[in-house]
Amino acid sequence: MDKTLVAYDKLYSSIPSIGFLNRKKRIAAFLKITNMLQIMIDKDDISEDDGLYLLSVLVRKCSRFQKAAMMTALNLTTIERKYLSNIGFKYSNDFRCSLRMYPVDDVESQKDVS
């Protein structure tokens, strides 16, 4: 079986409950899934492009994850960057742009040029 399909199944089955209009649970669900995905990327199980593709498929196939991704994108400016994986930040920022919201600067990727 393709590694991407295995990763999708693992991520899909790991999506936790998001509660009813519960901001914290929705953001926590997004963080959990994107952190799992970042570990897969770091171990070279899948590529970053495949990871972004998996997140977009999850958003379309799983309403819980779609709501979690939406809540995270809407609140991205209030979430400390240290809690977001690189793939989670990138996807959430792209999601914001698709909602016609301004992207958030990635402070961690900017180096102090003094």
PDB file of N, CA and C in Angstrom:
ATOM      1  N   MET A   1       0.846  -1.178   0.000  1.00  0.00           N
ATOM      2  CA  MET A   1       0.000   0.000   0.000  1.00  0.00           C
ATOM      3  C   MET A   1       0.897   1.248   0.000  1.00  0.00           C
ATOM      4  N   ASP A   2       0.485   2.255  -0.713  1.00  0.00           N
ATOM      5  CA  ASP A   2       1.231   3.503  -0.818  1.00  0.00           C
ATOM      6  C   ASP A   2       1.358   4.174   0.552  1.00  0.00           C
ATOM      7  N   LYS A   3       2.533   4.755   0.824  1.00  0.00           N
ATOM      8  CA  LYS A   3       2.779   5.408   2.113  1.00  0.00           C
ATOM      9  C   LYS A   3       1.803   6.555   2.375  1.00  0.00           C
ATOM     10  N   THR A   4       1.401   7.239   1.310  1.00  0.00           N
ATOM     11  CA  THR A   4       0.482   8.358   1.470  1.00  0.00           C
ATOM     12  C   THR A   4      -0.884   7.874   1.936  1.00  0.00           C
ATOM     13  N   LEU A   5      -1.339   6.752   1.394  1.00  0.00           N
ATOM     14  CA  LEU A   5      -2.623   6.197   1.825  1.00  0.00           C
ATOM     15  C   LEU A   5      -2.568   5.720   3.273  1.00  0.00           C
ATOM     16  N   VAL A   6      -1.456   5.118   3.643  1.00  0.00           N
ATOM     17  CA  VAL A   6      -1.276   4.674   5.029  1.00  0.00           C
ATOM     18  C   VAL A   6      -1.302   5.885   5.964  1.00  0.00           C
ATOM     19  N   ALA A   7      -0.611   6.954   5.567  1.00  0.00           N
ATOM     20  CA  ALA A   7      -0.578   8.180   6.371  1.00  0.00           C
ATOM     21  C   ALA A   7      -1.981   8.774   6.490  1.00  0.00           C
ATOM     22  N   TYR A   8      -2.730   8.795   5.389  1.00  0.00           N
ATOM     23  CA  TYR A   8      -4.096   9.328   5.410  1.00  0.00           C
ATOM     24  C   TYR A   8      -4.958   8.540   6.393  1.00  0.00           C
ATOM     25  N   ASP A   9      -4.906   7.220   6.310  1.00  0.00           N
ATOM     26  CA  ASP A   9      -5.709   6.383   7.207  1.00  0.00           C
ATOM     27  C   ASP A   9      -5.349   6.635   8.668  1.00  0.00           C
ATOM     28  N   LYS A  10      -4.065   6.758   8.939  1.00  0.00           N
ATOM     29  CA  LYS A  10      -3.608   7.004  10.308  1.00  0.00           C
ATOM     30  C   LYS A  10      -4.106   8.361  10.808  1.00  0.00           C
ATOM     31  N   LEU A  11      -3.989   9.386   9.970  1.00  0.00           N
ATOM     32  CA  LEU A  11      -4.437  10.723  10.361  1.00  0.00           C
ATOM     33  C   LEU A  11      -5.953  10.762  10.534  1.00  0.00           C
ATOM     34  N   TYR A  12      -6.666  10.188   9.587  1.00  0.00           N
ATOM     35  CA  TYR A  12      -8.134  10.210   9.631  1.00  0.00           C
ATOM     36  C   TYR A  12      -8.654   9.524  10.893  1.00  0.00           C
ATOM     37  N   SER A  13      -8.069   8.387  11.223  1.00  0.00           N
ATOM     38  CA  SER A  13      -8.539   7.647  12.399  1.00  0.00           C
ATOM     39  C   SER A  13      -8.109   8.308  13.709  1.00  0.00           C
ATOM     40  N   SER A  14      -7.204   9.268  13.649  1.00  0.00           N
ATOM     41  CA  SER A  14      -6.703   9.939  14.859  1.00  0.00           C
ATOM     42  C   SER A  14      -7.382  11.269  15.152  1.00  0.00           C
ATOM     43  N   ILE A  15      -8.295  11.703  14.305  1.00  0.00           N
ATOM     44  CA  ILE A  15      -8.952  12.994  14.523  1.00  0.00           C
ATOM     45  C   ILE A  15      -9.849  12.886  15.756  1.00  0.00           C
ATOM     46  N   PRO A  16      -9.565  13.692  16.785  1.00  0.00           N
ATOM     47  CA  PRO A  16     -10.363  13.612  18.018  1.00  0.00           C
ATOM     48  C   PRO A  16     -11.688  14.361  17.898  1.00  0.00           C
ATOM     49  N   SER A  17     -12.507  14.217  18.913  1.00  0.00           N
ATOM     50  CA  SER A  17     -13.767  14.948  18.993  1.00  0.00           C
ATOM     51  C   SER A  17     -13.473  16.441  19.080  1.00  0.00           C
ATOM     52  N   ILE A  18     -14.317  17.244  18.443  1.00  0.00           N
ATOM     53  CA  ILE A  18     -14.100  18.694  18.459  1.00  0.00           C
ATOM     54  C   ILE A  18     -15.148  19.427  19.282  1.00  0.00           C
ATOM     55  N   GLY A  19     -16.098  18.694  19.848  1.00  0.00           N
ATOM     56  CA  GLY A  19     -17.119  19.334  20.657  1.00  0.00           C
ATOM     57  C   GLY A  19     -18.077  20.163  19.821  1.00  0.00           C
ATOM     58  N   PHE A  20     -18.988  20.828  20.494  1.00  0.00           N
ATOM     59  CA  PHE A  20     -19.968  21.674  19.819  1.00  0.00           C
ATOM     60  C   PHE A  20     -19.543  23.123  19.982  1.00  0.00           C
ATOM     61  N   LEU A  21     -19.097  23.722  18.896  1.00  0.00           N
ATOM     62  CA  LEU A  21     -18.608  25.106  18.892  1.00  0.00           C
ATOM     63  C   LEU A  21     -17.543  25.339  19.965  1.00  0.00           C
ATOM     64  N   ASN A  22     -16.662  24.370  20.120  1.00  0.00           N
ATOM     65  CA  ASN A  22     -15.616  24.451  21.126  1.00  0.00           C
ATOM     66  C   ASN A  22     -14.297  24.848  20.456  1.00  0.00           C
ATOM     67  N   ARG A  23     -13.917  26.103  20.636  1.00  0.00           N
ATOM     68  CA  ARG A  23     -12.715  26.647  19.992  1.00  0.00           C
ATOM     69  C   ARG A  23     -11.459  25.878  20.385  1.00  0.00           C
ATOM     70  N   LYS A  24     -11.282  25.632  21.670  1.00  0.00           N
ATOM     71  CA  LYS A  24     -10.063  24.964  22.146  1.00  0.00           C
ATOM     72  C   LYS A  24      -9.939  23.545  21.598  1.00  0.00           C
ATOM     73  N   LYS A  25     -11.036  22.798  21.609  1.00  0.00           N
ATOM     74  CA  LYS A  25     -10.983  21.420  21.111  1.00  0.00           C
ATOM     75  C   LYS A  25     -10.707  21.386  19.614  1.00  0.00           C
ATOM     76  N   ARG A  26     -11.267  22.325  18.883  1.00  0.00           N
ATOM     77  CA  ARG A  26     -11.047  22.357  17.430  1.00  0.00           C
ATOM     78  C   ARG A  26      -9.590  22.674  17.110  1.00  0.00           C
ATOM     79  N   ILE A  27      -9.045  23.653  17.778  1.00  0.00           N
ATOM     80  CA  ILE A  27      -7.645  24.001  17.538  1.00  0.00           C
ATOM     81  C   ILE A  27      -6.734  22.867  18.000  1.00  0.00           C
ATOM     82  N   ALA A  28      -7.061  22.253  19.132  1.00  0.00           N
ATOM     83  CA  ALA A  28      -6.266  21.123  19.633  1.00  0.00           C
ATOM     84  C   ALA A  28      -6.292  19.957  18.644  1.00  0.00           C
ATOM     85  N   ALA A  29      -7.437  19.720  18.017  1.00  0.00           N
ATOM     86  CA  ALA A  29      -7.543  18.644  17.021  1.00  0.00           C
ATOM     87  C   ALA A  29      -6.644  18.938  15.823  1.00  0.00           C
ATOM     88  N   PHE A  30      -6.658  20.181  15.352  1.00  0.00           N
ATOM     89  CA  PHE A  30      -5.802  20.567  14.229  1.00  0.00           C
ATOM     90  C   PHE A  30      -4.331  20.404  14.596  1.00  0.00           C
ATOM     91  N   LEU A  31      -3.962  20.856  15.790  1.00  0.00           N
ATOM     92  CA  LEU A  31      -2.569  20.746  16.232  1.00  0.00           C
ATOM     93  C   LEU A  31      -2.140  19.286  16.337  1.00  0.00           C
ATOM     94  N   LYS A  32      -3.018  18.440  16.856  1.00  0.00           N
ATOM     95  CA  LYS A  32      -2.685  17.018  16.996  1.00  0.00           C
ATOM     96  C   LYS A  32      -2.395  16.387  15.637  1.00  0.00           C
ATOM     97  N   ILE A  33      -3.280  16.616  14.678  1.00  0.00           N
ATOM     98  CA  ILE A  33      -3.134  15.996  13.361  1.00  0.00           C
ATOM     99  C   ILE A  33      -1.921  16.552  12.624  1.00  0.00           C
ATOM    100  N   THR A  34      -1.732  17.860  12.670  1.00  0.00           N
ATOM    101  CA  THR A  34      -0.591  18.433  11.946  1.00  0.00           C
ATOM    102  C   THR A  34       0.739  18.076  12.606  1.00  0.00           C
ATOM    103  N   ASN A  35       0.748  17.912  13.921  1.00  0.00           N
ATOM    104  CA  ASN A  35       1.982  17.469  14.585  1.00  0.00           C
ATOM    105  C   ASN A  35       2.307  16.025  14.212  1.00  0.00           C
ATOM    106  N   MET A  36       1.290  15.173  14.124  1.00  0.00           N
ATOM    107  CA  MET A  36       1.503  13.794  13.668  1.00  0.00           C
ATOM    108  C   MET A  36       2.067  13.793  12.253  1.00  0.00           C
ATOM    109  N   LEU A  37       1.497  14.629  11.403  1.00  0.00           N
ATOM    110  CA  LEU A  37       1.937  14.717  10.018  1.00  0.00           C
ATOM    111  C   LEU A  37       3.373  15.233   9.929  1.00  0.00           C
ATOM    112  N   GLN A  38       3.717  16.209  10.761  1.00  0.00           N
ATOM    113  CA  GLN A  38       5.083  16.747  10.757  1.00  0.00           C
ATOM    114  C   GLN A  38       6.090  15.668  11.131  1.00  0.00           C
ATOM    115  N   ILE A  39       5.731  14.811  12.064  1.00  0.00           N
ATOM    116  CA  ILE A  39       6.614  13.701  12.445  1.00  0.00           C
ATOM    117  C   ILE A  39       6.830  12.773  11.256  1.00  0.00           C
ATOM    118  N   MET A  40       5.759  12.487  10.508  1.00  0.00           N
ATOM    119  CA  MET A  40       5.882  11.637   9.316  1.00  0.00           C
ATOM    120  C   MET A  40       6.803  12.279   8.281  1.00  0.00           C
ATOM    121  N   ILE A  41       6.686  13.591   8.119  1.00  0.00           N
ATOM    122  CA  ILE A  41       7.527  14.318   7.162  1.00  0.00           C
ATOM    123  C   ILE A  41       8.981  14.308   7.633  1.00  0.00           C
ATOM    124  N   ASP A  42       9.191  14.550   8.915  1.00  0.00           N
ATOM    125  CA  ASP A  42      10.554  14.569   9.464  1.00  0.00           C
ATOM    126  C   ASP A  42      11.239  13.212   9.339  1.00  0.00           C
ATOM    127  N   LYS A  43      10.463  12.135   9.420  1.00  0.00           N
ATOM    128  CA  LYS A  43      11.022  10.783   9.283  1.00  0.00           C
ATOM    129  C   LYS A  43      11.101  10.352   7.819  1.00  0.00           C
ATOM    130  N   ASP A  44      10.776  11.254   6.899  1.00  0.00           N
ATOM    131  CA  ASP A  44      10.785  10.982   5.456  1.00  0.00           C
ATOM    132  C   ASP A  44       9.825   9.867   5.047  1.00  0.00           C
ATOM    133  N   ASP A  45       8.746   9.699   5.822  1.00  0.00           N
ATOM    134  CA  ASP A  45       7.707   8.750   5.418  1.00  0.00           C
ATOM    135  C   ASP A  45       6.933   9.302   4.224  1.00  0.00           C
ATOM    136  N   ILE A  46       6.701  10.619   4.239  1.00  0.00           N
ATOM    137  CA  ILE A  46       6.035  11.294   3.120  1.00  0.00           C
ATOM    138  C   ILE A  46       6.709  12.649   2.909  1.00  0.00           C
ATOM    139  N   SER A  47       6.469  13.243   1.743  1.00  0.00           N
ATOM    140  CA  SER A  47       7.049  14.558   1.440  1.00  0.00           C
ATOM    141  C   SER A  47       6.141  15.664   1.980  1.00  0.00           C
ATOM    142  N   GLU A  48       6.666  16.870   2.037  1.00  0.00           N
ATOM    143  CA  GLU A  48       5.863  18.009   2.490  1.00  0.00           C
ATOM    144  C   GLU A  48       4.698  18.256   1.537  1.00  0.00           C
ATOM    145  N   ASP A  49       4.940  18.130   0.234  1.00  0.00           N
ATOM    146  CA  ASP A  49       3.857  18.318  -0.738  1.00  0.00           C
ATOM    147  C   ASP A  49       2.743  17.299  -0.528  1.00  0.00           C
ATOM    148  N   ASP A  50       3.131  16.041  -0.290  1.00  0.00           N
ATOM    149  CA  ASP A  50       2.123  15.016  -0.011  1.00  0.00           C
ATOM    150  C   ASP A  50       1.377  15.334   1.278  1.00  0.00           C
ATOM    151  N   GLY A  51       2.089  15.875   2.260  1.00  0.00           N
ATOM    152  CA  GLY A  51       1.460  16.255   3.520  1.00  0.00           C
ATOM    153  C   GLY A  51       0.421  17.347   3.335  1.00  0.00           C
ATOM    154  N   LEU A  52       0.761  18.363   2.553  1.00  0.00           N
ATOM    155  CA  LEU A  52      -0.201  19.432   2.272  1.00  0.00           C
ATOM    156  C   LEU A  52      -1.404  18.890   1.512  1.00  0.00           C
ATOM    157  N   TYR A  53      -1.146  17.965   0.592  1.00  0.00           N
ATOM    158  CA  TYR A  53      -2.231  17.331  -0.155  1.00  0.00           C
ATOM    159  C   TYR A  53      -3.142  16.545   0.797  1.00  0.00           C
ATOM    160  N   LEU A  54      -2.546  15.797   1.722  1.00  0.00           N
ATOM    161  CA  LEU A  54      -3.339  15.027   2.685  1.00  0.00           C
ATOM    162  C   LEU A  54      -4.222  15.935   3.534  1.00  0.00           C
ATOM    163  N   LEU A  55      -3.685  17.066   3.959  1.00  0.00           N
ATOM    164  CA  LEU A  55      -4.486  17.996   4.751  1.00  0.00           C
ATOM    165  C   LEU A  55      -5.661  18.530   3.944  1.00  0.00           C
ATOM    166  N   SER A  56      -5.443  18.824   2.673  1.00  0.00           N
ATOM    167  CA  SER A  56      -6.547  19.329   1.850  1.00  0.00           C
ATOM    168  C   SER A  56      -7.605  18.251   1.618  1.00  0.00           C
ATOM    169  N   VAL A  57      -7.178  16.997   1.503  1.00  0.00           N
ATOM    170  CA  VAL A  57      -8.142  15.899   1.359  1.00  0.00           C
ATOM    171  C   VAL A  57      -8.918  15.718   2.664  1.00  0.00           C
ATOM    172  N   LEU A  58      -8.223  15.772   3.791  1.00  0.00           N
ATOM    173  CA  LEU A  58      -8.903  15.645   5.084  1.00  0.00           C
ATOM    174  C   LEU A  58      -9.956  16.735   5.272  1.00  0.00           C
ATOM    175  N   VAL A  59      -9.639  17.948   4.857  1.00  0.00           N
ATOM    176  CA  VAL A  59     -10.595  19.052   4.983  1.00  0.00           C
ATOM    177  C   VAL A  59     -11.860  18.769   4.173  1.00  0.00           C
ATOM    178  N   ARG A  60     -11.696  18.152   3.018  1.00  0.00           N
ATOM    179  CA  ARG A  60     -12.851  17.883   2.164  1.00  0.00           C
ATOM    180  C   ARG A  60     -13.619  16.627   2.564  1.00  0.00           C
ATOM    181  N   LYS A  61     -12.941  15.668   3.166  1.00  0.00           N
ATOM    182  CA  LYS A  61     -13.571  14.384   3.482  1.00  0.00           C
ATOM    183  C   LYS A  61     -14.055  14.254   4.924  1.00  0.00           C
ATOM    184  N   CYS A  62     -13.572  15.097   5.807  1.00  0.00           N
ATOM    185  CA  CYS A  62     -13.905  14.960   7.230  1.00  0.00           C
ATOM    186  C   CYS A  62     -14.371  16.309   7.777  1.00  0.00           C
ATOM    187  N   SER A  63     -15.650  16.409   8.099  1.00  0.00           N
ATOM    188  CA  SER A  63     -16.186  17.691   8.562  1.00  0.00           C
ATOM    189  C   SER A  63     -15.557  18.133   9.882  1.00  0.00           C
ATOM    190  N   ARG A  64     -15.194  17.184  10.748  1.00  0.00           N
ATOM    191  CA  ARG A  64     -14.538  17.560  12.012  1.00  0.00           C
ATOM    192  C   ARG A  64     -13.211  18.255  11.742  1.00  0.00           C
ATOM    193  N   PHE A  65     -12.437  17.707  10.805  1.00  0.00           N
ATOM    194  CA  PHE A  65     -11.146  18.327  10.514  1.00  0.00           C
ATOM    195  C   PHE A  65     -11.337  19.646   9.765  1.00  0.00           C
ATOM    196  N   GLN A  66     -12.346  19.725   8.930  1.00  0.00           N
ATOM    197  CA  GLN A  66     -12.621  20.975   8.217  1.00  0.00           C
ATOM    198  C   GLN A  66     -12.929  22.085   9.216  1.00  0.00           C
ATOM    199  N   LYS A  67     -13.742  21.769  10.215  1.00  0.00           N
ATOM    200  CA  LYS A  67     -14.079  22.762  11.241  1.00  0.00           C
ATOM    201  C   LYS A  67     -12.852  23.124  12.076  1.00  0.00           C
ATOM    202  N   ALA A  68     -12.010  22.139  12.355  1.00  0.00           N
ATOM    203  CA  ALA A  68     -10.785  22.386  13.123  1.00  0.00           C
ATOM    204  C   ALA A  68      -9.824  23.276  12.338  1.00  0.00           C
ATOM    205  N   ALA A  69      -9.672  23.001  11.045  1.00  0.00           N
ATOM    206  CA  ALA A  69      -8.779  23.801  10.201  1.00  0.00           C
ATOM    207  C   ALA A  69      -9.302  25.230  10.060  1.00  0.00           C
ATOM    208  N   MET A  70     -10.607  25.371   9.922  1.00  0.00           N
ATOM    209  CA  MET A  70     -11.222  26.701   9.803  1.00  0.00           C
ATOM    210  C   MET A  70     -11.002  27.505  11.087  1.00  0.00           C
ATOM    211  N   MET A  71     -11.253  26.889  12.221  1.00  0.00           N
ATOM    212  CA  MET A  71     -11.084  27.585  13.499  1.00  0.00           C
ATOM    213  C   MET A  71      -9.625  28.000  13.703  1.00  0.00           C
ATOM    214  N   THR A  72      -8.701  27.133  13.333  1.00  0.00           N
ATOM    215  CA  THR A  72      -7.279  27.454  13.475  1.00  0.00           C
ATOM    216  C   THR A  72      -6.892  28.598  12.547  1.00  0.00           C
ATOM    217  N   ALA A  73      -7.363  28.564  11.316  1.00  0.00           N
ATOM    218  CA  ALA A  73      -7.048  29.635  10.363  1.00  0.00           C
ATOM    219  C   ALA A  73      -7.600  30.974  10.843  1.00  0.00           C
ATOM    220  N   LEU A  74      -8.816  30.963  11.358  1.00  0.00           N
ATOM    221  CA  LEU A  74      -9.423  32.205  11.828  1.00  0.00           C
ATOM    222  C   LEU A  74      -8.706  32.770  13.054  1.00  0.00           C
ATOM    223  N   ASN A  75      -8.111  31.900  13.847  1.00  0.00           N
ATOM    224  CA  ASN A  75      -7.454  32.318  15.091  1.00  0.00           C
ATOM    225  C   ASN A  75      -5.937  32.212  15.039  1.00  0.00           C
ATOM    226  N   LEU A  76      -5.377  32.115  13.856  1.00  0.00           N
ATOM    227  CA  LEU A  76      -3.941  31.888  13.714  1.00  0.00           C
ATOM    228  C   LEU A  76      -3.103  32.974  14.387  1.00  0.00           C
ATOM    229  N   THR A  77      -3.575  34.196  14.374  1.00  0.00           N
ATOM    230  CA  THR A  77      -2.807  35.290  14.979  1.00  0.00           C
ATOM    231  C   THR A  77      -2.761  35.200  16.499  1.00  0.00           C
ATOM    232  N   THR A  78      -3.661  34.442  17.109  1.00  0.00           N
ATOM    233  CA  THR A  78      -3.700  34.342  18.571  1.00  0.00           C
ATOM    234  C   THR A  78      -3.007  33.087  19.102  1.00  0.00           C
ATOM    235  N   ILE A  79      -2.566  32.207  18.207  1.00  0.00           N
ATOM    236  CA  ILE A  79      -1.920  30.958  18.613  1.00  0.00           C
ATOM    237  C   ILE A  79      -0.412  31.172  18.612  1.00  0.00           C
ATOM    238  N   GLU A  80       0.228  30.818  19.721  1.00  0.00           N
ATOM    239  CA  GLU A  80       1.683  30.953  19.779  1.00  0.00           C
ATOM    240  C   GLU A  80       2.318  30.036  18.747  1.00  0.00           C
ATOM    241  N   ARG A  81       3.266  30.566  18.013  1.00  0.00           N
ATOM    242  CA  ARG A  81       3.899  29.835  16.905  1.00  0.00           C
ATOM    243  C   ARG A  81       4.572  28.548  17.369  1.00  0.00           C
ATOM    244  N   LYS A  82       5.055  28.513  18.589  1.00  0.00           N
ATOM    245  CA  LYS A  82       5.764  27.326  19.071  1.00  0.00           C
ATOM    246  C   LYS A  82       4.867  26.091  19.150  1.00  0.00           C
ATOM    247  N   TYR A  83       3.553  26.282  19.177  1.00  0.00           N
ATOM    248  CA  TYR A  83       2.632  25.150  19.242  1.00  0.00           C
ATOM    249  C   TYR A  83       2.320  24.571  17.868  1.00  0.00           C
ATOM    250  N   LEU A  84       2.596  25.332  16.826  1.00  0.00           N
ATOM    251  CA  LEU A  84       2.278  24.900  15.465  1.00  0.00           C
ATOM    252  C   LEU A  84       3.479  24.238  14.806  1.00  0.00           C
ATOM    253  N   SER A  85       3.242  23.098  14.192  1.00  0.00           N
ATOM    254  CA  SER A  85       4.295  22.472  13.389  1.00  0.00           C
ATOM    255  C   SER A  85       4.475  23.301  12.123  1.00  0.00           C
ATOM    256  N   ASN A  86       5.572  23.098  11.430  1.00  0.00           N
ATOM    257  CA  ASN A  86       5.808  23.842  10.186  1.00  0.00           C
ATOM    258  C   ASN A  86       4.704  23.586   9.174  1.00  0.00           C
ATOM    259  N   ILE A  87       4.315  22.315   9.015  1.00  0.00           N
ATOM    260  CA  ILE A  87       3.274  21.977   8.040  1.00  0.00           C
ATOM    261  C   ILE A  87       1.926  22.560   8.477  1.00  0.00           C
ATOM    262  N   GLY A  88       1.658  22.556   9.779  1.00  0.00           N
ATOM    263  CA  GLY A  88       0.407  23.113  10.295  1.00  0.00           C
ATOM    264  C   GLY A  88       0.318  24.607  10.065  1.00  0.00           C
ATOM    265  N   PHE A  89       1.437  25.309  10.313  1.00  0.00           N
ATOM    266  CA  PHE A  89       1.462  26.751  10.093  1.00  0.00           C
ATOM    267  C   PHE A  89       1.270  27.072   8.613  1.00  0.00           C
ATOM    268  N   LYS A  90       2.000  26.355   7.773  1.00  0.00           N
ATOM    269  CA  LYS A  90       1.924  26.614   6.334  1.00  0.00           C
ATOM    270  C   LYS A  90       0.506  26.372   5.808  1.00  0.00           C
ATOM    271  N   TYR A  91      -0.094  25.244   6.197  1.00  0.00           N
ATOM    272  CA  TYR A  91      -1.440  24.935   5.711  1.00  0.00           C
ATOM    273  C   TYR A  91      -2.456  25.945   6.244  1.00  0.00           C
ATOM    274  N   SER A  92      -2.362  26.270   7.519  1.00  0.00           N
ATOM    275  CA  SER A  92      -3.312  27.203   8.109  1.00  0.00           C
ATOM    276  C   SER A  92      -3.182  28.593   7.489  1.00  0.00           C
ATOM    277  N   ASN A  93      -1.971  29.006   7.198  1.00  0.00           N
ATOM    278  CA  ASN A  93      -1.753  30.303   6.561  1.00  0.00           C
ATOM    279  C   ASN A  93      -2.333  30.308   5.144  1.00  0.00           C
ATOM    280  N   ASP A  94      -2.130  29.218   4.411  1.00  0.00           N
ATOM    281  CA  ASP A  94      -2.722  29.099   3.074  1.00  0.00           C
ATOM    282  C   ASP A  94      -4.246  29.090   3.152  1.00  0.00           C
ATOM    283  N   PHE A  95      -4.774  28.430   4.175  1.00  0.00           N
ATOM    284  CA  PHE A  95      -6.224  28.379   4.386  1.00  0.00           C
ATOM    285  C   PHE A  95      -6.758  29.791   4.621  1.00  0.00           C
ATOM    286  N   ARG A  96      -6.026  30.582   5.420  1.00  0.00           N
ATOM    287  CA  ARG A  96      -6.416  31.985   5.656  1.00  0.00           C
ATOM    288  C   ARG A  96      -6.496  32.748   4.339  1.00  0.00           C
ATOM    289  N   CYS A  97      -5.500  32.546   3.489  1.00  0.00           N
ATOM    290  CA  CYS A  97      -5.477  33.251   2.205  1.00  0.00           C
ATOM    291  C   CYS A  97      -6.666  32.849   1.339  1.00  0.00           C
ATOM    292  N   SER A  98      -7.058  31.578   1.404  1.00  0.00           N
ATOM    293  CA  SER A  98      -8.215  31.136   0.619  1.00  0.00           C
ATOM    294  C   SER A  98      -9.507  31.761   1.140  1.00  0.00           C
ATOM    295  N   LEU A  99      -9.485  32.227   2.389  1.00  0.00           N
ATOM    296  CA  LEU A  99     -10.636  32.922   2.976  1.00  0.00           C
ATOM    297  C   LEU A  99     -10.543  34.431   2.769  1.00  0.00           C
ATOM    298  N   ARG A 100      -9.570  34.842   1.978  1.00  0.00           N
ATOM    299  CA  ARG A 100      -9.298  36.256   1.691  1.00  0.00           C
ATOM    300  C   ARG A 100      -8.914  37.039   2.939  1.00  0.00           C
ATOM    301  N   MET A 101      -8.180  36.361   3.806  1.00  0.00           N
ATOM    302  CA  MET A 101      -7.625  36.996   4.998  1.00  0.00           C
ATOM    303  C   MET A 101      -6.135  37.201   4.757  1.00  0.00           C
ATOM    304  N   TYR A 102      -5.554  38.147   5.461  1.00  0.00           N
ATOM    305  CA  TYR A 102      -4.124  38.386   5.313  1.00  0.00           C
ATOM    306  C   TYR A 102      -3.333  37.223   5.896  1.00  0.00           C
ATOM    307  N   PRO A 103      -2.230  36.854   5.237  1.00  0.00           N
ATOM    308  CA  PRO A 103      -1.374  35.808   5.812  1.00  0.00           C
ATOM    309  C   PRO A 103      -0.662  36.327   7.055  1.00  0.00           C
ATOM    310  N   VAL A 104      -0.225  35.397   7.870  1.00  0.00           N
ATOM    311  CA  VAL A 104       0.510  35.722   9.090  1.00  0.00           C
ATOM    312  C   VAL A 104       1.988  35.505   8.807  1.00  0.00           C
ATOM    313  N   ASP A 105       2.826  36.445   9.234  1.00  0.00           N
ATOM    314  CA  ASP A 105       4.272  36.289   9.050  1.00  0.00           C
ATOM    315  C   ASP A 105       4.783  35.169   9.930  1.00  0.00           C
ATOM    316  N   ASP A 106       5.696  34.394   9.397  1.00  0.00           N
ATOM    317  CA  ASP A 106       6.333  33.328  10.160  1.00  0.00           C
ATOM    318  C   ASP A 106       7.560  33.906  10.842  1.00  0.00           C
ATOM    319  N   VAL A 107       7.399  34.329  12.067  1.00  0.00           N
ATOM    320  CA  VAL A 107       8.466  34.989  12.816  1.00  0.00           C
ATOM    321  C   VAL A 107       9.658  34.056  13.001  1.00  0.00           C
ATOM    322  N   GLU A 108       9.400  32.755  13.201  1.00  0.00           N
ATOM    323  CA  GLU A 108      10.491  31.812  13.437  1.00  0.00           C
ATOM    324  C   GLU A 108      11.398  31.645  12.228  1.00  0.00           C
ATOM    325  N   SER A 109      10.861  31.821  11.034  1.00  0.00           N
ATOM    326  CA  SER A 109      11.685  31.622   9.842  1.00  0.00           C
ATOM    327  C   SER A 109      12.493  32.868   9.488  1.00  0.00           C
ATOM    328  N   GLN A 110      12.170  33.986  10.118  1.00  0.00           N
ATOM    329  CA  GLN A 110      12.909  35.213   9.861  1.00  0.00           C
ATOM    330  C   GLN A 110      14.114  35.257  10.784  1.00  0.00           C
ATOM    331  N   LYS A 111      15.268  35.472  10.204  1.00  0.00           N
ATOM    332  CA  LYS A 111      16.496  35.498  10.995  1.00  0.00           C
ATOM    333  C   LYS A 111      16.856  36.928  11.341  1.00  0.00           C
ATOM    334  N   ASP A 112      17.446  37.095  12.516  1.00  0.00           N
ATOM    335  CA  ASP A 112      17.892  38.407  12.965  1.00  0.00           C
ATOM    336  C   ASP A 112      19.098  38.823  12.135  1.00  0.00           C
ATOM    337  N   VAL A 113      18.907  39.838  11.323  1.00  0.00           N
ATOM    338  CA  VAL A 113      19.981  40.319  10.455  1.00  0.00           C
ATOM    339  C   VAL A 113      20.528  41.603  11.070  1.00  0.00           C
ATOM    340  N   SER A 114      21.448  41.452  12.022  1.00  0.00           N
ATOM    341  CA  SER A 114      22.018  42.631  12.672  1.00  0.00           C
ATOM    342  C   SER A 114      23.488  42.751  12.379  1.00  0.00           C
TER     343      SER A 114
END
